Each structure stands twice: as C-alpha cells, then as structure tokens.
Amino acid sequence: MSINKQSDIAANLQIGPTDLGMVRLYIEAEGLQLPLDFDPEEADEIAEELRIAAEAARAMTDGGKKGKRR
C-alpha cells in the first residue's frame, strides 16, 4: 500500500513515554498490536516530519493560507 492510497482499515494510535525513557507509538488495528519505541531524539525527528507533512497537506487543501487552523 502506498502512502497516497486510501484504506478502510481503522486504527487507534496512542503516544506516550515508557518507563525506560523511550517514546512509544502504540498502534492497534484489526487484531494487530504494534508498539514502536523511539529514543527522544528520534521522536523529535518524527514530530518534525509530521509537522512538515501537516503543513504540506494544509497547503493542498486551503490554497496555502498560513495560520488557518481547524
């Protein structure tokens, strides 16, 4: 499946710190439980990638208007 292909799969996402000082993304969907642990620096990089992707998606949907939040 590519990143631009829609899916009917629903999933739950939980994000939080572990007791070992890691950041965990916990994904649960259709019988799948996937804990993904990252050190804090990796988590910062992922957060930055999410922010950049959100900006790009926002630009596609609102004509690039800055500061428009929903």
C-alpha atoms as a PDB file:
ATOM      1  CA  MET A   1       0.000   0.000   0.000  1.00  0.00           C
ATOM      2  CA  SER A   2       1.368   3.412  -0.863  1.00  0.00           C
ATOM      3  CA  ILE A   3       1.122   6.482   1.317  1.00  0.00           C
ATOM      4  CA  ASN A   4      -1.383   8.091  -1.050  1.00  0.00           C
ATOM      5  CA  LYS A   5      -3.780   5.102  -1.293  1.00  0.00           C
ATOM      6  CA  GLN A   6      -6.926   5.221   0.826  1.00  0.00           C
ATOM      7  CA  SER A   7      -7.807   2.353   3.138  1.00  0.00           C
ATOM      8  CA  ASP A   8     -10.880   1.207   5.045  1.00  0.00           C
ATOM      9  CA  ILE A   9      -8.770  -0.029   7.967  1.00  0.00           C
ATOM     10  CA  ALA A  10      -9.472   1.789  11.216  1.00  0.00           C
ATOM     11  CA  ALA A  11      -6.757   2.021  13.843  1.00  0.00           C
ATOM     12  CA  ASN A  12      -6.176   3.503  17.260  1.00  0.00           C
ATOM     13  CA  LEU A  13      -2.966   5.392  17.996  1.00  0.00           C
ATOM     14  CA  GLN A  14      -1.596   6.097  21.457  1.00  0.00           C
ATOM     15  CA  ILE A  15       1.573   8.103  22.066  1.00  0.00           C
ATOM     16  CA  GLY A  16       3.431   8.399  25.340  1.00  0.00           C
ATOM     17  CA  PRO A  17       6.634   7.873  27.302  1.00  0.00           C
ATOM     18  CA  THR A  18       7.709   4.468  28.591  1.00  0.00           C
ATOM     19  CA  ASP A  19       9.255   3.797  31.975  1.00  0.00           C
ATOM     20  CA  LEU A  20      12.567   3.173  30.156  1.00  0.00           C
ATOM     21  CA  GLY A  21      12.755   6.737  28.780  1.00  0.00           C
ATOM     22  CA  MET A  22      11.559   5.895  25.295  1.00  0.00           C
ATOM     23  CA  VAL A  23       8.666   7.388  23.346  1.00  0.00           C
ATOM     24  CA  ARG A  24       6.143   4.774  22.286  1.00  0.00           C
ATOM     25  CA  LEU A  25       3.736   4.909  19.371  1.00  0.00           C
ATOM     26  CA  TYR A  26       1.209   2.168  20.042  1.00  0.00           C
ATOM     27  CA  ILE A  27      -0.950   1.192  17.074  1.00  0.00           C
ATOM     28  CA  GLU A  28      -3.892  -1.181  17.382  1.00  0.00           C
ATOM     29  CA  ALA A  29      -5.993  -2.294  14.404  1.00  0.00           C
ATOM     30  CA  GLU A  30      -7.987  -5.383  13.485  1.00  0.00           C
ATOM     31  CA  GLY A  31      -6.254  -7.726  15.936  1.00  0.00           C
ATOM     32  CA  LEU A  32      -2.831  -6.132  15.398  1.00  0.00           C
ATOM     33  CA  GLN A  33      -0.971  -4.555  18.312  1.00  0.00           C
ATOM     34  CA  LEU A  34       2.190  -2.749  17.267  1.00  0.00           C
ATOM     35  CA  PRO A  35       4.320  -0.968  19.879  1.00  0.00           C
ATOM     36  CA  LEU A  36       7.015   1.195  18.269  1.00  0.00           C
ATOM     37  CA  ASP A  37       9.648   2.621  20.634  1.00  0.00           C
ATOM     38  CA  PHE A  38      11.926   5.546  19.769  1.00  0.00           C
ATOM     39  CA  ASP A  39      14.566   7.385  21.728  1.00  0.00           C
ATOM     40  CA  PRO A  40      13.647  11.027  22.409  1.00  0.00           C
ATOM     41  CA  GLU A  41      15.844  12.346  19.574  1.00  0.00           C
ATOM     42  CA  GLU A  42      14.182  10.032  17.054  1.00  0.00           C
ATOM     43  CA  ALA A  43      10.776  11.082  18.397  1.00  0.00           C
ATOM     44  CA  ASP A  44      11.715  14.743  17.838  1.00  0.00           C
ATOM     45  CA  GLU A  45      12.656  13.929  14.233  1.00  0.00           C
ATOM     46  CA  ILE A  46       9.345  12.120  13.703  1.00  0.00           C
ATOM     47  CA  ALA A  47       7.451  15.051  15.218  1.00  0.00           C
ATOM     48  CA  GLU A  48       9.205  17.427  12.828  1.00  0.00           C
ATOM     49  CA  GLU A  49       8.354  15.198   9.852  1.00  0.00           C
ATOM     50  CA  LEU A  50       4.705  15.166  10.984  1.00  0.00           C
ATOM     51  CA  ARG A  51       4.697  18.963  11.278  1.00  0.00           C
ATOM     52  CA  ILE A  52       6.159  19.353   7.776  1.00  0.00           C
ATOM     53  CA  ALA A  53       3.657  16.855   6.323  1.00  0.00           C
ATOM     54  CA  ALA A  54       0.782  18.678   8.053  1.00  0.00           C
ATOM     55  CA  GLU A  55       1.923  21.986   6.558  1.00  0.00           C
ATOM     56  CA  ALA A  56       2.117  20.423   3.097  1.00  0.00           C
ATOM     57  CA  ALA A  57      -1.336  18.854   3.448  1.00  0.00           C
ATOM     58  CA  ARG A  58      -2.780  22.131   4.712  1.00  0.00           C
ATOM     59  CA  ALA A  59      -1.310  23.947   1.720  1.00  0.00           C
ATOM     60  CA  MET A  60      -3.017  21.481  -0.613  1.00  0.00           C
ATOM     61  CA  THR A  61      -6.433  21.886   0.998  1.00  0.00           C
ATOM     62  CA  ASP A  62      -6.628  25.605   1.782  1.00  0.00           C
ATOM     63  CA  GLY A  63      -4.679  27.154  -1.046  1.00  0.00           C
ATOM     64  CA  GLY A  64      -1.581  27.682   1.085  1.00  0.00           C
ATOM     65  CA  LYS A  65      -3.125  30.167   3.515  1.00  0.00           C
ATOM     66  CA  LYS A  66      -0.807  30.439   6.529  1.00  0.00           C
ATOM     67  CA  GLY A  67      -2.161  30.300  10.041  1.00  0.00           C
ATOM     68  CA  LYS A  68      -5.507  28.789   9.146  1.00  0.00           C
ATOM     69  CA  ARG A  69      -6.315  26.093  11.689  1.00  0.00           C
ATOM     70  CA  ARG A  70      -9.384  23.933  12.028  1.00  0.00           C
END
